[in-house]
Amino acid sequence: MAMLSNLDLIRRVPLFSMLTQAQAEAIAEGVVKRRYRRGELIVERGRKTNALFILLTGRARVVASDERGREVILAVLEAGDYLGEMSLIDNEPHSATVRAEVQTDVLVLGRAEFARCLPENSSLSYAILRGLVQRLRNADRQIESLALLDVYGRVARALLDMADEDAGEKVIRGKVSRQDLAKHVGASREMVSRVMKDLEERGLIETQDSGSVVLKDRLAATA
């Protein structure tokens, strides 16, 4: 890696294959090379690194875990793959942790340099990018939920995702369809109905006469 210039490395990355010579040179001036040892974290869930990471060599795992330490592998990244782009686009913390499986060399592109490669924030294309990132975050969350949570936890998380804040309470406006909820959490309608009944009996949710559902603060502990 040390024998090649940043521009040479940029030209070897598929992500940058469509850049003009001037664009590639501008990117090359802004990247730095970094090496991660086996087991070292490249990014950590819940934190911001404000950078795009492009793998040059090695391999890394994208993982999510619960409070008991159980993990689900969301993806395996290899040379040419990249990470950190979602956080740079929507300015939110990383949705997953990425850990080097073997010694891994990366190019790191900072936020300012990355922003110069994007359209203006007010443009339609940037709005579409942000929408796509939100869909990807939701997909990661759904995969994690299906892999790590039981039906109670999946139902609770789905309800929390559906709720809006109203006068300090989390409320789902309108009747919650058991059938749709069952499809969302990957369980039978009968199982979801039993879970909803149990949550209500335990005082974790409360169904109003209007059909709206009020979620109590303690519900989050089950998700």
C-alpha atoms as a PDB file:
ATOM      1  CA  MET A   1       0.000   0.000   0.000  1.00  0.00           C
ATOM      2  CA  ALA A   2       2.847   2.417   0.814  1.00  0.00           C
ATOM      3  CA  MET A   3       4.261   2.099  -2.747  1.00  0.00           C
ATOM      4  CA  LEU A   4       1.130   3.557  -4.355  1.00  0.00           C
ATOM      5  CA  SER A   5       0.035   7.184  -4.361  1.00  0.00           C
ATOM      6  CA  ASN A   6      -3.397   8.186  -3.110  1.00  0.00           C
ATOM      7  CA  LEU A   7      -4.441   8.856  -6.703  1.00  0.00           C
ATOM      8  CA  ASP A   8      -3.351   5.352  -7.742  1.00  0.00           C
ATOM      9  CA  LEU A   9      -5.397   3.904  -4.885  1.00  0.00           C
ATOM     10  CA  ILE A  10      -8.431   6.028  -5.760  1.00  0.00           C
ATOM     11  CA  ARG A  11      -8.321   4.734  -9.331  1.00  0.00           C
ATOM     12  CA  ARG A  12      -8.451   1.144  -8.046  1.00  0.00           C
ATOM     13  CA  VAL A  13     -11.672   1.707  -6.065  1.00  0.00           C
ATOM     14  CA  PRO A  14     -14.871   0.903  -8.036  1.00  0.00           C
ATOM     15  CA  LEU A  15     -16.778   3.635  -6.154  1.00  0.00           C
ATOM     16  CA  PHE A  16     -14.586   6.274  -7.807  1.00  0.00           C
ATOM     17  CA  SER A  17     -14.373   4.686 -11.275  1.00  0.00           C
ATOM     18  CA  MET A  18     -16.618   7.312 -12.893  1.00  0.00           C
ATOM     19  CA  LEU A  19     -14.681  10.331 -11.604  1.00  0.00           C
ATOM     20  CA  THR A  20     -12.931  12.658 -13.981  1.00  0.00           C
ATOM     21  CA  GLN A  21      -9.197  13.121 -13.579  1.00  0.00           C
ATOM     22  CA  ALA A  22      -9.748  16.446 -11.799  1.00  0.00           C
ATOM     23  CA  GLN A  23     -12.318  14.941  -9.433  1.00  0.00           C
ATOM     24  CA  ALA A  24     -10.066  11.976  -8.663  1.00  0.00           C
ATOM     25  CA  GLU A  25      -7.146  14.287  -7.911  1.00  0.00           C
ATOM     26  CA  ALA A  26      -9.310  16.370  -5.567  1.00  0.00           C
ATOM     27  CA  ILE A  27     -10.423  13.239  -3.697  1.00  0.00           C
ATOM     28  CA  ALA A  28      -6.849  11.925  -3.558  1.00  0.00           C
ATOM     29  CA  GLU A  29      -5.725  15.100  -1.804  1.00  0.00           C
ATOM     30  CA  GLY A  30      -8.340  14.621   0.901  1.00  0.00           C
ATOM     31  CA  VAL A  31      -7.948  10.930   1.786  1.00  0.00           C
ATOM     32  CA  VAL A  32      -5.626   9.352   4.308  1.00  0.00           C
ATOM     33  CA  LYS A  33      -4.599   5.710   4.597  1.00  0.00           C
ATOM     34  CA  ARG A  34      -5.251   3.816   7.810  1.00  0.00           C
ATOM     35  CA  ARG A  35      -4.613   0.248   8.969  1.00  0.00           C
ATOM     36  CA  TYR A  36      -6.815  -1.697  11.400  1.00  0.00           C
ATOM     37  CA  ARG A  37      -5.706  -4.801  13.245  1.00  0.00           C
ATOM     38  CA  ARG A  38      -7.827  -7.935  13.460  1.00  0.00           C
ATOM     39  CA  GLY A  39     -10.697  -7.352  15.900  1.00  0.00           C
ATOM     40  CA  GLU A  40     -10.301  -3.565  15.904  1.00  0.00           C
ATOM     41  CA  LEU A  41     -13.443  -1.456  15.443  1.00  0.00           C
ATOM     42  CA  ILE A  42     -13.568   0.702  12.338  1.00  0.00           C
ATOM     43  CA  VAL A  43     -16.847   2.346  13.358  1.00  0.00           C
ATOM     44  CA  GLU A  44     -19.049   1.779  16.414  1.00  0.00           C
ATOM     45  CA  ARG A  45     -22.815   1.792  16.590  1.00  0.00           C
ATOM     46  CA  GLY A  46     -24.240   4.926  18.192  1.00  0.00           C
ATOM     47  CA  ARG A  47     -21.157   7.028  17.468  1.00  0.00           C
ATOM     48  CA  LYS A  48     -20.159   9.373  14.658  1.00  0.00           C
ATOM     49  CA  THR A  49     -16.838   9.236  12.860  1.00  0.00           C
ATOM     50  CA  ASN A  50     -17.584  11.908  10.228  1.00  0.00           C
ATOM     51  CA  ALA A  51     -15.755   9.965   7.540  1.00  0.00           C
ATOM     52  CA  LEU A  52     -16.207   7.568   4.639  1.00  0.00           C
ATOM     53  CA  PHE A  53     -14.094   4.402   4.856  1.00  0.00           C
ATOM     54  CA  ILE A  54     -13.124   2.487   1.685  1.00  0.00           C
ATOM     55  CA  LEU A  55     -11.568  -0.957   2.115  1.00  0.00           C
ATOM     56  CA  LEU A  56      -8.364  -1.488   0.147  1.00  0.00           C
ATOM     57  CA  THR A  57      -7.407  -4.880   1.560  1.00  0.00           C
ATOM     58  CA  GLY A  58      -8.698  -7.232   4.230  1.00  0.00           C
ATOM     59  CA  ARG A  59     -12.216  -7.983   5.396  1.00  0.00           C
ATOM     60  CA  ALA A  60     -14.663  -6.513   7.934  1.00  0.00           C
ATOM     61  CA  ARG A  61     -17.980  -7.524   9.493  1.00  0.00           C
ATOM     62  CA  VAL A  62     -20.986  -5.260   9.913  1.00  0.00           C
ATOM     63  CA  VAL A  63     -22.714  -6.393  13.114  1.00  0.00           C
ATOM     64  CA  ALA A  64     -25.544  -5.417  15.462  1.00  0.00           C
ATOM     65  CA  SER A  65     -25.833  -6.738  19.013  1.00  0.00           C
ATOM     66  CA  ASP A  66     -28.210  -6.686  21.955  1.00  0.00           C
ATOM     67  CA  GLU A  67     -27.574  -5.925  25.625  1.00  0.00           C
ATOM     68  CA  ARG A  68     -26.719  -9.595  26.243  1.00  0.00           C
ATOM     69  CA  GLY A  69     -23.922  -9.511  23.708  1.00  0.00           C
ATOM     70  CA  ARG A  70     -25.663 -11.599  21.048  1.00  0.00           C
ATOM     71  CA  GLU A  71     -24.685 -10.528  17.543  1.00  0.00           C
ATOM     72  CA  VAL A  72     -26.208 -10.675  14.085  1.00  0.00           C
ATOM     73  CA  ILE A  73     -23.999 -10.190  11.029  1.00  0.00           C
ATOM     74  CA  LEU A  74     -25.604  -7.688   8.660  1.00  0.00           C
ATOM     75  CA  ALA A  75     -22.888  -7.826   5.995  1.00  0.00           C
ATOM     76  CA  VAL A  76     -19.293  -8.810   5.276  1.00  0.00           C
ATOM     77  CA  LEU A  77     -17.201  -6.143   3.559  1.00  0.00           C
ATOM     78  CA  GLU A  78     -14.182  -6.802   1.360  1.00  0.00           C
ATOM     79  CA  ALA A  79     -11.762  -4.798  -0.780  1.00  0.00           C
ATOM     80  CA  GLY A  80     -13.633  -2.160  -2.781  1.00  0.00           C
ATOM     81  CA  ASP A  81     -16.542  -1.939  -0.337  1.00  0.00           C
ATOM     82  CA  TYR A  82     -17.169   1.188   1.743  1.00  0.00           C
ATOM     83  CA  LEU A  83     -18.923   2.218   4.947  1.00  0.00           C
ATOM     84  CA  GLY A  84     -19.902   5.322   6.893  1.00  0.00           C
ATOM     85  CA  GLU A  85     -21.793   6.890   3.990  1.00  0.00           C
ATOM     86  CA  MET A  86     -25.204   6.765   5.696  1.00  0.00           C
ATOM     87  CA  SER A  87     -23.987   8.725   8.704  1.00  0.00           C
ATOM     88  CA  LEU A  88     -22.349  11.310   6.464  1.00  0.00           C
ATOM     89  CA  ILE A  89     -25.515  11.794   4.406  1.00  0.00           C
ATOM     90  CA  ASP A  90     -28.048  12.111   7.243  1.00  0.00           C
ATOM     91  CA  ASN A  91     -25.669  13.233  10.031  1.00  0.00           C
ATOM     92  CA  GLU A  92     -26.957  10.504  12.369  1.00  0.00           C
ATOM     93  CA  PRO A  93     -24.830   8.067  14.418  1.00  0.00           C
ATOM     94  CA  HIS A  94     -23.774   4.765  12.869  1.00  0.00           C
ATOM     95  CA  SER A  95     -26.557   2.158  12.882  1.00  0.00           C
ATOM     96  CA  ALA A  96     -24.134  -0.772  13.234  1.00  0.00           C
ATOM     97  CA  THR A  97     -20.616  -1.643  14.332  1.00  0.00           C
ATOM     98  CA  VAL A  98     -17.952  -2.590  11.791  1.00  0.00           C
ATOM     99  CA  ARG A  99     -15.075  -4.766  13.008  1.00  0.00           C
ATOM    100  CA  ALA A 100     -11.982  -5.827  11.072  1.00  0.00           C
ATOM    101  CA  GLU A 101     -11.885  -9.625  10.671  1.00  0.00           C
ATOM    102  CA  VAL A 102      -8.262  -9.565   9.525  1.00  0.00           C
ATOM    103  CA  GLN A 103      -5.669  -6.843   9.119  1.00  0.00           C
ATOM    104  CA  THR A 104      -7.502  -4.298   6.980  1.00  0.00           C
ATOM    105  CA  ASP A 105      -6.217  -1.260   5.104  1.00  0.00           C
ATOM    106  CA  VAL A 106      -8.647   1.549   4.320  1.00  0.00           C
ATOM    107  CA  LEU A 107      -8.817   4.969   2.744  1.00  0.00           C
ATOM    108  CA  VAL A 108     -10.537   7.542   4.947  1.00  0.00           C
ATOM    109  CA  LEU A 109     -12.338  10.500   3.394  1.00  0.00           C
ATOM    110  CA  GLY A 110     -13.413  13.249   5.817  1.00  0.00           C
ATOM    111  CA  ARG A 111     -16.829  14.907   5.953  1.00  0.00           C
ATOM    112  CA  ALA A 112     -15.796  18.116   4.195  1.00  0.00           C
ATOM    113  CA  GLU A 113     -14.162  16.247   1.305  1.00  0.00           C
ATOM    114  CA  PHE A 114     -17.137  13.868   1.077  1.00  0.00           C
ATOM    115  CA  ALA A 115     -19.618  16.766   1.007  1.00  0.00           C
ATOM    116  CA  ARG A 116     -17.874  18.242  -2.021  1.00  0.00           C
ATOM    117  CA  CYS A 117     -18.723  15.059  -3.932  1.00  0.00           C
ATOM    118  CA  LEU A 118     -22.452  15.404  -3.206  1.00  0.00           C
ATOM    119  CA  PRO A 119     -25.082  17.605  -4.833  1.00  0.00           C
ATOM    120  CA  GLU A 120     -26.256  20.699  -2.981  1.00  0.00           C
ATOM    121  CA  ASN A 121     -28.219  19.977   0.207  1.00  0.00           C
ATOM    122  CA  SER A 122     -31.310  21.672  -1.244  1.00  0.00           C
ATOM    123  CA  SER A 123     -31.386  19.557  -4.406  1.00  0.00           C
ATOM    124  CA  LEU A 124     -33.872  16.807  -5.157  1.00  0.00           C
ATOM    125  CA  SER A 125     -31.092  14.260  -5.548  1.00  0.00           C
ATOM    126  CA  TYR A 126     -29.820  14.953  -2.025  1.00  0.00           C
ATOM    127  CA  ALA A 127     -33.344  14.570  -0.637  1.00  0.00           C
ATOM    128  CA  ILE A 128     -33.594  11.221  -2.417  1.00  0.00           C
ATOM    129  CA  LEU A 129     -30.264  10.166  -0.917  1.00  0.00           C
ATOM    130  CA  ARG A 130     -31.502  10.966   2.579  1.00  0.00           C
ATOM    131  CA  GLY A 131     -34.685   8.994   1.921  1.00  0.00           C
ATOM    132  CA  LEU A 132     -32.709   5.978   0.758  1.00  0.00           C
ATOM    133  CA  VAL A 133     -30.504   6.156   3.833  1.00  0.00           C
ATOM    134  CA  GLN A 134     -33.569   6.153   6.087  1.00  0.00           C
ATOM    135  CA  ARG A 135     -34.863   3.056   4.311  1.00  0.00           C
ATOM    136  CA  LEU A 136     -31.523   1.329   4.819  1.00  0.00           C
ATOM    137  CA  ARG A 137     -31.522   2.213   8.514  1.00  0.00           C
ATOM    138  CA  ASN A 138     -35.041   0.806   8.858  1.00  0.00           C
ATOM    139  CA  ALA A 139     -33.975  -2.377   7.060  1.00  0.00           C
ATOM    140  CA  ASP A 140     -30.977  -2.821   9.391  1.00  0.00           C
ATOM    141  CA  ARG A 141     -33.248  -2.339  12.374  1.00  0.00           C
ATOM    142  CA  GLN A 142     -35.758  -4.870  11.044  1.00  0.00           C
ATOM    143  CA  ILE A 143     -33.058  -7.492  10.427  1.00  0.00           C
ATOM    144  CA  GLU A 144     -31.666  -6.927  13.912  1.00  0.00           C
ATOM    145  CA  SER A 145     -35.136  -7.204  15.438  1.00  0.00           C
ATOM    146  CA  LEU A 146     -35.957 -10.460  13.656  1.00  0.00           C
ATOM    147  CA  ALA A 147     -32.621 -11.993  14.607  1.00  0.00           C
ATOM    148  CA  LEU A 148     -32.210 -10.860  18.211  1.00  0.00           C
ATOM    149  CA  LEU A 149     -35.659 -10.204  19.681  1.00  0.00           C
ATOM    150  CA  ASP A 150     -38.461 -12.597  20.613  1.00  0.00           C
ATOM    151  CA  VAL A 151     -42.024 -11.905  19.450  1.00  0.00           C
ATOM    152  CA  TYR A 152     -42.717  -9.714  22.504  1.00  0.00           C
ATOM    153  CA  GLY A 153     -39.675  -7.594  21.774  1.00  0.00           C
ATOM    154  CA  ARG A 154     -40.458  -7.333  18.055  1.00  0.00           C
ATOM    155  CA  VAL A 155     -44.050  -6.282  18.709  1.00  0.00           C
ATOM    156  CA  ALA A 156     -42.938  -3.714  21.293  1.00  0.00           C
ATOM    157  CA  ARG A 157     -40.336  -2.256  18.937  1.00  0.00           C
ATOM    158  CA  ALA A 158     -42.824  -2.113  16.068  1.00  0.00           C
ATOM    159  CA  LEU A 159     -45.350  -0.284  18.244  1.00  0.00           C
ATOM    160  CA  LEU A 160     -42.712   2.220  19.356  1.00  0.00           C
ATOM    161  CA  ASP A 161     -41.709   2.838  15.734  1.00  0.00           C
ATOM    162  CA  MET A 162     -45.353   3.462  14.788  1.00  0.00           C
ATOM    163  CA  ALA A 163     -46.030   5.934  17.608  1.00  0.00           C
ATOM    164  CA  ASP A 164     -45.913   9.734  17.572  1.00  0.00           C
ATOM    165  CA  GLU A 165     -45.248  12.058  20.498  1.00  0.00           C
ATOM    166  CA  ASP A 166     -48.356  13.799  21.821  1.00  0.00           C
ATOM    167  CA  ALA A 167     -48.266  15.910  24.998  1.00  0.00           C
ATOM    168  CA  GLY A 168     -45.422  13.850  26.419  1.00  0.00           C
ATOM    169  CA  GLU A 169     -47.010  10.496  25.523  1.00  0.00           C
ATOM    170  CA  LYS A 170     -46.316   8.052  22.711  1.00  0.00           C
ATOM    171  CA  VAL A 171     -49.546   7.470  20.822  1.00  0.00           C
ATOM    172  CA  ILE A 172     -50.497   5.410  17.771  1.00  0.00           C
ATOM    173  CA  ARG A 173     -53.368   7.163  16.013  1.00  0.00           C
ATOM    174  CA  GLY A 174     -56.009   4.809  14.648  1.00  0.00           C
ATOM    175  CA  LYS A 175     -56.598   1.132  15.158  1.00  0.00           C
ATOM    176  CA  VAL A 176     -53.556  -1.148  15.048  1.00  0.00           C
ATOM    177  CA  SER A 177     -54.168  -3.960  12.552  1.00  0.00           C
ATOM    178  CA  ARG A 178     -53.103  -7.274  14.099  1.00  0.00           C
ATOM    179  CA  GLN A 179     -52.698  -8.763  10.636  1.00  0.00           C
ATOM    180  CA  ASP A 180     -50.392  -5.992   9.414  1.00  0.00           C
ATOM    181  CA  LEU A 181     -48.437  -6.047  12.667  1.00  0.00           C
ATOM    182  CA  ALA A 182     -48.005  -9.825  12.359  1.00  0.00           C
ATOM    183  CA  LYS A 183     -46.562  -9.432   8.849  1.00  0.00           C
ATOM    184  CA  HIS A 184     -44.235  -6.698  10.067  1.00  0.00           C
ATOM    185  CA  VAL A 185     -42.749  -8.735  12.934  1.00  0.00           C
ATOM    186  CA  GLY A 186     -42.740 -12.141  11.225  1.00  0.00           C
ATOM    187  CA  ALA A 187     -45.232 -13.889  13.512  1.00  0.00           C
ATOM    188  CA  SER A 188     -48.753 -15.292  13.277  1.00  0.00           C
ATOM    189  CA  ARG A 189     -51.790 -13.062  13.787  1.00  0.00           C
ATOM    190  CA  GLU A 190     -52.841 -15.236  16.729  1.00  0.00           C
ATOM    191  CA  MET A 191     -49.460 -14.816  18.439  1.00  0.00           C
ATOM    192  CA  VAL A 192     -49.505 -11.055  17.940  1.00  0.00           C
ATOM    193  CA  SER A 193     -53.039 -10.845  19.345  1.00  0.00           C
ATOM    194  CA  ARG A 194     -51.917 -12.742  22.460  1.00  0.00           C
ATOM    195  CA  VAL A 195     -48.904 -10.467  22.868  1.00  0.00           C
ATOM    196  CA  MET A 196     -51.036  -7.316  22.501  1.00  0.00           C
ATOM    197  CA  LYS A 197     -53.535  -8.634  25.057  1.00  0.00           C
ATOM    198  CA  ASP A 198     -50.736  -9.444  27.502  1.00  0.00           C
ATOM    199  CA  LEU A 199     -49.116  -6.015  27.035  1.00  0.00           C
ATOM    200  CA  GLU A 200     -52.466  -4.392  27.798  1.00  0.00           C
ATOM    201  CA  GLU A 201     -53.060  -6.543  30.881  1.00  0.00           C
ATOM    202  CA  ARG A 202     -49.590  -5.629  32.161  1.00  0.00           C
ATOM    203  CA  GLY A 203     -50.334  -1.940  31.720  1.00  0.00           C
ATOM    204  CA  LEU A 204     -47.692  -1.406  29.043  1.00  0.00           C
ATOM    205  CA  ILE A 205     -50.198  -0.221  26.446  1.00  0.00           C
ATOM    206  CA  GLU A 206     -53.688   1.239  26.680  1.00  0.00           C
ATOM    207  CA  THR A 207     -56.294   1.177  23.915  1.00  0.00           C
ATOM    208  CA  GLN A 208     -58.562   4.226  23.798  1.00  0.00           C
ATOM    209  CA  ASP A 209     -62.247   4.236  22.799  1.00  0.00           C
ATOM    210  CA  SER A 210     -61.196   5.881  19.540  1.00  0.00           C
ATOM    211  CA  GLY A 211     -58.960   2.916  18.726  1.00  0.00           C
ATOM    212  CA  SER A 212     -55.735   4.859  19.347  1.00  0.00           C
ATOM    213  CA  VAL A 213     -53.085   3.090  21.433  1.00  0.00           C
ATOM    214  CA  VAL A 214     -51.127   4.863  24.181  1.00  0.00           C
ATOM    215  CA  LEU A 215     -47.704   3.372  24.900  1.00  0.00           C
ATOM    216  CA  LYS A 216     -46.371   3.538  28.438  1.00  0.00           C
ATOM    217  CA  ASP A 217     -42.738   4.375  29.154  1.00  0.00           C
ATOM    218  CA  ARG A 218     -42.048   0.862  30.489  1.00  0.00           C
ATOM    219  CA  LEU A 219     -42.773  -0.657  27.063  1.00  0.00           C
ATOM    220  CA  ALA A 220     -39.361   0.437  25.784  1.00  0.00           C
ATOM    221  CA  ALA A 221     -37.699  -1.951  28.234  1.00  0.00           C
ATOM    222  CA  THR A 222     -39.174  -4.928  26.362  1.00  0.00           C
ATOM    223  CA  ALA A 223     -37.991  -3.792  22.915  1.00  0.00           C
END
